[in-house]
Amino acid sequence: MSVVILISGNGSNLQAIIDAVSHQQLPIEISAVISNRADAQGLQRAAKASITTAVVDHHDYNGREDFDAALMGLIDKFEPQLVVLAGFMRILTEKFVNHFSGRLLNIHPALLPAFPGLNTHERALEAGVKVHGSSVHFVTTEVDGGPIVLQASTDVLADDTAVILAARVLKQEHVILPMAIRWFAEKRLKCDDNKVLLDDKELPENGLQLENLA
């Protein structure tokens, strides 16, 4: 199965996917890694793994619509069955999201619907929550509001800082994102009418929880 991965930065989730593919844990081909930033470290990770890379710099376009049109056109050249947002820090237009509807996955560092958007770990600590985590979800036109596939949670500890908490959550992201991609590749996972189905069974609103998996 052909997959295109979109990144904006370090690419640690990308690396987790690359590692899973190399260990034959993911039945996919990463056809391309595309970034909106030429200095994204994830591009180096992809190049080291001999994966095609490209940059579509949003600064080169007159607005979100033009950027998304260029990005969409480039992605389509690779004919992917799935597009994965692995730390892609751009809000996508309705036209883009609808074009890839049902085959666009995102990883978010919070237990959605709590803390959509940026600075999730700082906001979680400020809110005094006892549990924090990460979510994989299908992308819809609502930012970080698409139907949830899978979540992993961690207790918030008394001495946690945003940096410490972020590192712990990131390790969980590296587990649940490849897991969701594998389900999709195996044709077990799909999004139908804004509902997530796994093995033809509708998942609860907050998706499957990692601790409940066999």
C-alpha atoms as a PDB file:
ATOM      1  CA  MET A   1       0.000   0.000   0.000  1.00  0.00           C
ATOM      2  CA  SER A   2       1.355   3.399  -0.997  1.00  0.00           C
ATOM      3  CA  VAL A   3       1.575   6.024   1.758  1.00  0.00           C
ATOM      4  CA  VAL A   4       2.622   9.670   1.602  1.00  0.00           C
ATOM      5  CA  ILE A   5       3.733  11.252   4.873  1.00  0.00           C
ATOM      6  CA  LEU A   6       3.571  14.979   5.586  1.00  0.00           C
ATOM      7  CA  ILE A   7       5.903  16.563   8.146  1.00  0.00           C
ATOM      8  CA  SER A   8       7.023  19.970   9.351  1.00  0.00           C
ATOM      9  CA  GLY A   9       9.816  19.249  11.809  1.00  0.00           C
ATOM     10  CA  ASN A  10      11.909  16.650  13.572  1.00  0.00           C
ATOM     11  CA  GLY A  11      10.124  13.647  12.109  1.00  0.00           C
ATOM     12  CA  SER A  12      10.310  11.287  15.082  1.00  0.00           C
ATOM     13  CA  ASN A  13       6.904   9.830  14.229  1.00  0.00           C
ATOM     14  CA  LEU A  14       8.115   9.442  10.652  1.00  0.00           C
ATOM     15  CA  GLN A  15      11.125   7.548  12.004  1.00  0.00           C
ATOM     16  CA  ALA A  16       8.845   5.240  13.973  1.00  0.00           C
ATOM     17  CA  ILE A  17       6.982   4.445  10.744  1.00  0.00           C
ATOM     18  CA  ILE A  18      10.234   3.922   8.816  1.00  0.00           C
ATOM     19  CA  ASP A  19      11.493   1.574  11.539  1.00  0.00           C
ATOM     20  CA  ALA A  20       8.237  -0.398  11.532  1.00  0.00           C
ATOM     21  CA  VAL A  21       8.471  -0.813   7.759  1.00  0.00           C
ATOM     22  CA  SER A  22      12.117  -1.906   7.932  1.00  0.00           C
ATOM     23  CA  HIS A  23      11.235  -4.507  10.578  1.00  0.00           C
ATOM     24  CA  GLN A  24       8.391  -5.759   8.347  1.00  0.00           C
ATOM     25  CA  GLN A  25       5.781  -4.684  10.887  1.00  0.00           C
ATOM     26  CA  LEU A  26       4.013  -2.424   8.400  1.00  0.00           C
ATOM     27  CA  PRO A  27       2.883  -3.706   4.978  1.00  0.00           C
ATOM     28  CA  ILE A  28       3.293  -0.343   3.264  1.00  0.00           C
ATOM     29  CA  GLU A  29       5.562   1.532   0.900  1.00  0.00           C
ATOM     30  CA  ILE A  30       6.401   5.102   1.894  1.00  0.00           C
ATOM     31  CA  SER A  31       6.174   6.653  -1.549  1.00  0.00           C
ATOM     32  CA  ALA A  32       7.194  10.143  -0.440  1.00  0.00           C
ATOM     33  CA  VAL A  33       7.829  12.388   2.525  1.00  0.00           C
ATOM     34  CA  ILE A  34       6.734  15.975   1.922  1.00  0.00           C
ATOM     35  CA  SER A  35       7.416  18.961   4.174  1.00  0.00           C
ATOM     36  CA  ASN A  36       6.320  22.573   4.154  1.00  0.00           C
ATOM     37  CA  ARG A  37       9.733  23.472   5.613  1.00  0.00           C
ATOM     38  CA  ALA A  38      13.027  22.889   3.803  1.00  0.00           C
ATOM     39  CA  ASP A  39      14.884  22.704   7.137  1.00  0.00           C
ATOM     40  CA  ALA A  40      12.713  19.922   8.583  1.00  0.00           C
ATOM     41  CA  GLN A  41      14.986  17.277  10.085  1.00  0.00           C
ATOM     42  CA  GLY A  42      12.516  14.612   9.025  1.00  0.00           C
ATOM     43  CA  LEU A  43      13.608  15.130   5.416  1.00  0.00           C
ATOM     44  CA  GLN A  44      17.072  13.912   6.388  1.00  0.00           C
ATOM     45  CA  ARG A  45      15.550  10.873   8.085  1.00  0.00           C
ATOM     46  CA  ALA A  46      13.652  10.062   4.901  1.00  0.00           C
ATOM     47  CA  ALA A  47      16.669  10.581   2.648  1.00  0.00           C
ATOM     48  CA  LYS A  48      18.750   8.285   4.862  1.00  0.00           C
ATOM     49  CA  ALA A  49      16.090   5.604   4.315  1.00  0.00           C
ATOM     50  CA  SER A  50      16.196   6.233   0.528  1.00  0.00           C
ATOM     51  CA  ILE A  51      12.668   7.647   0.493  1.00  0.00           C
ATOM     52  CA  THR A  52      11.692  10.311  -2.031  1.00  0.00           C
ATOM     53  CA  THR A  53      11.413  13.744  -0.425  1.00  0.00           C
ATOM     54  CA  ALA A  54       9.904  17.043  -1.517  1.00  0.00           C
ATOM     55  CA  VAL A  55       9.319  20.501  -0.105  1.00  0.00           C
ATOM     56  CA  VAL A  56       6.242  22.621  -0.727  1.00  0.00           C
ATOM     57  CA  ASP A  57       7.032  25.823   1.157  1.00  0.00           C
ATOM     58  CA  HIS A  58       3.853  27.584   2.215  1.00  0.00           C
ATOM     59  CA  HIS A  59       5.691  30.919   2.071  1.00  0.00           C
ATOM     60  CA  ASP A  60       5.854  30.558  -1.719  1.00  0.00           C
ATOM     61  CA  TYR A  61       2.075  30.728  -2.138  1.00  0.00           C
ATOM     62  CA  ASN A  62      -0.521  33.476  -1.945  1.00  0.00           C
ATOM     63  CA  GLY A  63      -2.686  31.992   0.749  1.00  0.00           C
ATOM     64  CA  ARG A  64      -3.791  28.673   2.127  1.00  0.00           C
ATOM     65  CA  GLU A  65      -5.858  27.659  -0.914  1.00  0.00           C
ATOM     66  CA  ASP A  66      -2.949  28.005  -3.360  1.00  0.00           C
ATOM     67  CA  PHE A  67      -0.609  26.117  -1.050  1.00  0.00           C
ATOM     68  CA  ASP A  68      -3.061  23.288  -0.517  1.00  0.00           C
ATOM     69  CA  ALA A  69      -3.717  23.021  -4.256  1.00  0.00           C
ATOM     70  CA  ALA A  70      -0.005  22.640  -4.946  1.00  0.00           C
ATOM     71  CA  LEU A  71       0.429  20.146  -2.134  1.00  0.00           C
ATOM     72  CA  MET A  72      -2.593  18.133  -3.263  1.00  0.00           C
ATOM     73  CA  GLY A  73      -1.306  18.010  -6.827  1.00  0.00           C
ATOM     74  CA  LEU A  74       2.084  16.737  -5.703  1.00  0.00           C
ATOM     75  CA  ILE A  75       0.603  14.088  -3.414  1.00  0.00           C
ATOM     76  CA  ASP A  76      -1.660  12.821  -6.194  1.00  0.00           C
ATOM     77  CA  LYS A  77       1.365  12.128  -8.394  1.00  0.00           C
ATOM     78  CA  PHE A  78       2.305   9.349  -5.964  1.00  0.00           C
ATOM     79  CA  GLU A  79      -1.215   7.869  -6.013  1.00  0.00           C
ATOM     80  CA  PRO A  80      -1.258   7.023  -2.289  1.00  0.00           C
ATOM     81  CA  GLN A  81      -3.975   4.986  -0.624  1.00  0.00           C
ATOM     82  CA  LEU A  82      -3.238   6.831   2.628  1.00  0.00           C
ATOM     83  CA  VAL A  83      -1.850  10.237   3.593  1.00  0.00           C
ATOM     84  CA  VAL A  84      -0.409  10.560   7.105  1.00  0.00           C
ATOM     85  CA  LEU A  85       0.104  13.841   8.947  1.00  0.00           C
ATOM     86  CA  ALA A  86       3.071  13.099  11.199  1.00  0.00           C
ATOM     87  CA  GLY A  87       3.699  16.454  12.823  1.00  0.00           C
ATOM     88  CA  PHE A  88       2.470  18.494   9.870  1.00  0.00           C
ATOM     89  CA  MET A  89       1.837  21.948  11.303  1.00  0.00           C
ATOM     90  CA  ARG A  90      -0.598  23.383   8.793  1.00  0.00           C
ATOM     91  CA  ILE A  91      -4.358  23.808   8.937  1.00  0.00           C
ATOM     92  CA  LEU A  92      -5.744  22.256   5.762  1.00  0.00           C
ATOM     93  CA  THR A  93      -8.533  23.647   3.627  1.00  0.00           C
ATOM     94  CA  GLU A  94     -11.896  22.004   3.163  1.00  0.00           C
ATOM     95  CA  LYS A  95     -11.079  21.193  -0.468  1.00  0.00           C
ATOM     96  CA  PHE A  96      -7.886  19.365   0.539  1.00  0.00           C
ATOM     97  CA  VAL A  97      -9.533  17.437   3.362  1.00  0.00           C
ATOM     98  CA  ASN A  98     -12.482  16.404   1.218  1.00  0.00           C
ATOM     99  CA  HIS A  99     -10.165  15.300  -1.602  1.00  0.00           C
ATOM    100  CA  PHE A 100      -8.457  12.811   0.722  1.00  0.00           C
ATOM    101  CA  SER A 101     -11.524  12.031   2.814  1.00  0.00           C
ATOM    102  CA  GLY A 102     -11.348   8.649   4.524  1.00  0.00           C
ATOM    103  CA  ARG A 103      -7.632   8.267   3.821  1.00  0.00           C
ATOM    104  CA  LEU A 104      -6.119  11.085   5.854  1.00  0.00           C
ATOM    105  CA  LEU A 105      -4.767  10.248   9.329  1.00  0.00           C
ATOM    106  CA  ASN A 106      -3.291  12.590  11.937  1.00  0.00           C
ATOM    107  CA  ILE A 107      -1.444  12.111  15.210  1.00  0.00           C
ATOM    108  CA  HIS A 108      -2.218  14.661  17.944  1.00  0.00           C
ATOM    109  CA  PRO A 109      -0.432  15.001  21.316  1.00  0.00           C
ATOM    110  CA  ALA A 110      -3.503  15.090  23.547  1.00  0.00           C
ATOM    111  CA  LEU A 111      -6.501  12.999  24.467  1.00  0.00           C
ATOM    112  CA  LEU A 112      -8.977  14.539  22.068  1.00  0.00           C
ATOM    113  CA  PRO A 113     -11.398  16.204  22.231  1.00  0.00           C
ATOM    114  CA  ALA A 114      -9.354  17.821  25.024  1.00  0.00           C
ATOM    115  CA  PHE A 115      -6.676  20.323  23.992  1.00  0.00           C
ATOM    116  CA  PRO A 116      -6.950  20.603  20.220  1.00  0.00           C
ATOM    117  CA  GLY A 117      -4.410  22.857  18.543  1.00  0.00           C
ATOM    118  CA  LEU A 118      -0.974  23.820  19.852  1.00  0.00           C
ATOM    119  CA  ASN A 119       0.886  23.769  23.203  1.00  0.00           C
ATOM    120  CA  THR A 120      -1.076  20.768  24.413  1.00  0.00           C
ATOM    121  CA  HIS A 121       1.305  19.727  27.181  1.00  0.00           C
ATOM    122  CA  GLU A 122       1.548  23.197  28.701  1.00  0.00           C
ATOM    123  CA  ARG A 123      -2.233  23.523  28.575  1.00  0.00           C
ATOM    124  CA  ALA A 124      -2.744  20.101  30.158  1.00  0.00           C
ATOM    125  CA  LEU A 125      -0.482  21.034  33.073  1.00  0.00           C
ATOM    126  CA  GLU A 126      -2.150  24.420  33.489  1.00  0.00           C
ATOM    127  CA  ALA A 127      -5.553  22.730  33.554  1.00  0.00           C
ATOM    128  CA  GLY A 128      -4.394  20.340  36.246  1.00  0.00           C
ATOM    129  CA  VAL A 129      -5.539  17.192  34.460  1.00  0.00           C
ATOM    130  CA  LYS A 130      -4.518  13.871  35.985  1.00  0.00           C
ATOM    131  CA  VAL A 131      -4.296  11.995  32.679  1.00  0.00           C
ATOM    132  CA  HIS A 132      -2.832  13.119  29.364  1.00  0.00           C
ATOM    133  CA  GLY A 133      -1.877  11.319  26.169  1.00  0.00           C
ATOM    134  CA  SER A 134      -2.127  11.170  22.393  1.00  0.00           C
ATOM    135  CA  SER A 135      -4.709  10.394  19.720  1.00  0.00           C
ATOM    136  CA  VAL A 136      -4.765   9.102  16.157  1.00  0.00           C
ATOM    137  CA  HIS A 137      -7.758  10.362  14.221  1.00  0.00           C
ATOM    138  CA  PHE A 138      -9.124  10.726  10.727  1.00  0.00           C
ATOM    139  CA  VAL A 139      -8.917  14.298   9.498  1.00  0.00           C
ATOM    140  CA  THR A 140     -12.047  16.322   8.825  1.00  0.00           C
ATOM    141  CA  THR A 141     -12.610  20.011   8.216  1.00  0.00           C
ATOM    142  CA  GLU A 142     -12.782  20.612  11.989  1.00  0.00           C
ATOM    143  CA  VAL A 143      -9.240  21.100  13.291  1.00  0.00           C
ATOM    144  CA  ASP A 144      -8.278  18.088  15.432  1.00  0.00           C
ATOM    145  CA  GLY A 145     -11.969  17.225  15.481  1.00  0.00           C
ATOM    146  CA  GLY A 146     -12.124  14.171  13.234  1.00  0.00           C
ATOM    147  CA  PRO A 147     -13.285  10.737  14.440  1.00  0.00           C
ATOM    148  CA  ILE A 148     -10.795   9.086  16.766  1.00  0.00           C
ATOM    149  CA  VAL A 149      -9.174   5.742  15.979  1.00  0.00           C
ATOM    150  CA  LEU A 150      -6.889   5.121  18.923  1.00  0.00           C
ATOM    151  CA  GLN A 151      -5.640   6.798  22.085  1.00  0.00           C
ATOM    152  CA  ALA A 152      -2.842   6.134  24.552  1.00  0.00           C
ATOM    153  CA  SER A 153      -2.872   7.733  27.981  1.00  0.00           C
ATOM    154  CA  THR A 154      -0.338   8.452  30.699  1.00  0.00           C
ATOM    155  CA  ASP A 155      -0.729   9.678  34.258  1.00  0.00           C
ATOM    156  CA  VAL A 156       0.386  13.251  34.848  1.00  0.00           C
ATOM    157  CA  LEU A 157       2.981  13.174  37.639  1.00  0.00           C
ATOM    158  CA  ALA A 158       3.527  15.802  40.297  1.00  0.00           C
ATOM    159  CA  ASP A 159       6.988  16.745  39.024  1.00  0.00           C
ATOM    160  CA  ASP A 160       6.088  16.770  35.334  1.00  0.00           C
ATOM    161  CA  THR A 161       7.124  19.706  33.209  1.00  0.00           C
ATOM    162  CA  ALA A 162       5.837  20.263  29.688  1.00  0.00           C
ATOM    163  CA  VAL A 163       9.126  18.881  28.317  1.00  0.00           C
ATOM    164  CA  ILE A 164       9.056  15.746  30.469  1.00  0.00           C
ATOM    165  CA  LEU A 165       5.386  15.100  29.746  1.00  0.00           C
ATOM    166  CA  ALA A 166       5.883  15.677  26.023  1.00  0.00           C
ATOM    167  CA  ALA A 167       8.687  13.110  25.896  1.00  0.00           C
ATOM    168  CA  ARG A 168       6.549  10.482  27.599  1.00  0.00           C
ATOM    169  CA  VAL A 169       3.587  11.150  25.301  1.00  0.00           C
ATOM    170  CA  LEU A 170       5.829  11.062  22.219  1.00  0.00           C
ATOM    171  CA  LYS A 171       6.907   7.509  23.005  1.00  0.00           C
ATOM    172  CA  GLN A 172       3.237   6.523  22.937  1.00  0.00           C
ATOM    173  CA  GLU A 173       2.718   8.319  19.632  1.00  0.00           C
ATOM    174  CA  HIS A 174       5.447   6.137  18.150  1.00  0.00           C
ATOM    175  CA  VAL A 175       3.366   3.085  19.049  1.00  0.00           C
ATOM    176  CA  ILE A 176      -0.168   4.095  18.142  1.00  0.00           C
ATOM    177  CA  LEU A 177       0.467   5.821  14.811  1.00  0.00           C
ATOM    178  CA  PRO A 178       2.119   2.781  13.150  1.00  0.00           C
ATOM    179  CA  MET A 179      -0.582   0.611  14.715  1.00  0.00           C
ATOM    180  CA  ALA A 180      -3.379   2.604  13.076  1.00  0.00           C
ATOM    181  CA  ILE A 181      -1.538   2.662   9.751  1.00  0.00           C
ATOM    182  CA  ARG A 182      -1.161  -1.111   9.875  1.00  0.00           C
ATOM    183  CA  TRP A 183      -4.892  -1.573  10.481  1.00  0.00           C
ATOM    184  CA  PHE A 184      -5.630   0.655   7.499  1.00  0.00           C
ATOM    185  CA  ALA A 185      -3.139  -1.198   5.300  1.00  0.00           C
ATOM    186  CA  GLU A 186      -4.700  -4.513   6.290  1.00  0.00           C
ATOM    187  CA  LYS A 187      -8.101  -3.081   5.291  1.00  0.00           C
ATOM    188  CA  ARG A 188      -9.363  -3.514   8.847  1.00  0.00           C
ATOM    189  CA  LEU A 189      -9.760   0.212   9.503  1.00  0.00           C
ATOM    190  CA  LYS A 190     -11.959   2.681   7.662  1.00  0.00           C
ATOM    191  CA  CYS A 191     -13.937   5.852   8.193  1.00  0.00           C
ATOM    192  CA  ASP A 192     -17.505   5.764   6.937  1.00  0.00           C
ATOM    193  CA  ASP A 193     -19.989   8.611   7.416  1.00  0.00           C
ATOM    194  CA  ASN A 194     -17.753  10.180  10.064  1.00  0.00           C
ATOM    195  CA  LYS A 195     -17.642   6.926  12.037  1.00  0.00           C
ATOM    196  CA  VAL A 196     -14.584   4.769  12.579  1.00  0.00           C
ATOM    197  CA  LEU A 197     -14.951   1.068  11.845  1.00  0.00           C
ATOM    198  CA  LEU A 198     -12.417  -1.561  12.872  1.00  0.00           C
ATOM    199  CA  ASP A 199     -13.126  -5.068  11.594  1.00  0.00           C
ATOM    200  CA  ASP A 200     -16.553  -3.724  10.552  1.00  0.00           C
ATOM    201  CA  LYS A 201     -17.406  -2.750  14.129  1.00  0.00           C
ATOM    202  CA  GLU A 202     -18.003   0.883  15.057  1.00  0.00           C
ATOM    203  CA  LEU A 203     -15.548   2.218  17.617  1.00  0.00           C
ATOM    204  CA  PRO A 204     -16.582   4.394  20.567  1.00  0.00           C
ATOM    205  CA  GLU A 205     -16.224   8.157  20.255  1.00  0.00           C
ATOM    206  CA  ASN A 206     -12.805   8.175  21.914  1.00  0.00           C
ATOM    207  CA  GLY A 207     -11.569   5.234  19.836  1.00  0.00           C
ATOM    208  CA  LEU A 208      -9.757   2.230  21.161  1.00  0.00           C
ATOM    209  CA  GLN A 209      -7.601   2.722  24.238  1.00  0.00           C
ATOM    210  CA  LEU A 210      -4.103   1.281  24.111  1.00  0.00           C
ATOM    211  CA  GLU A 211      -4.368  -0.442  27.458  1.00  0.00           C
ATOM    212  CA  ASN A 212      -7.417  -2.353  26.229  1.00  0.00           C
ATOM    213  CA  LEU A 213      -5.650  -3.907  23.266  1.00  0.00           C
ATOM    214  CA  ALA A 214      -4.483  -7.515  23.274  1.00  0.00           C
END
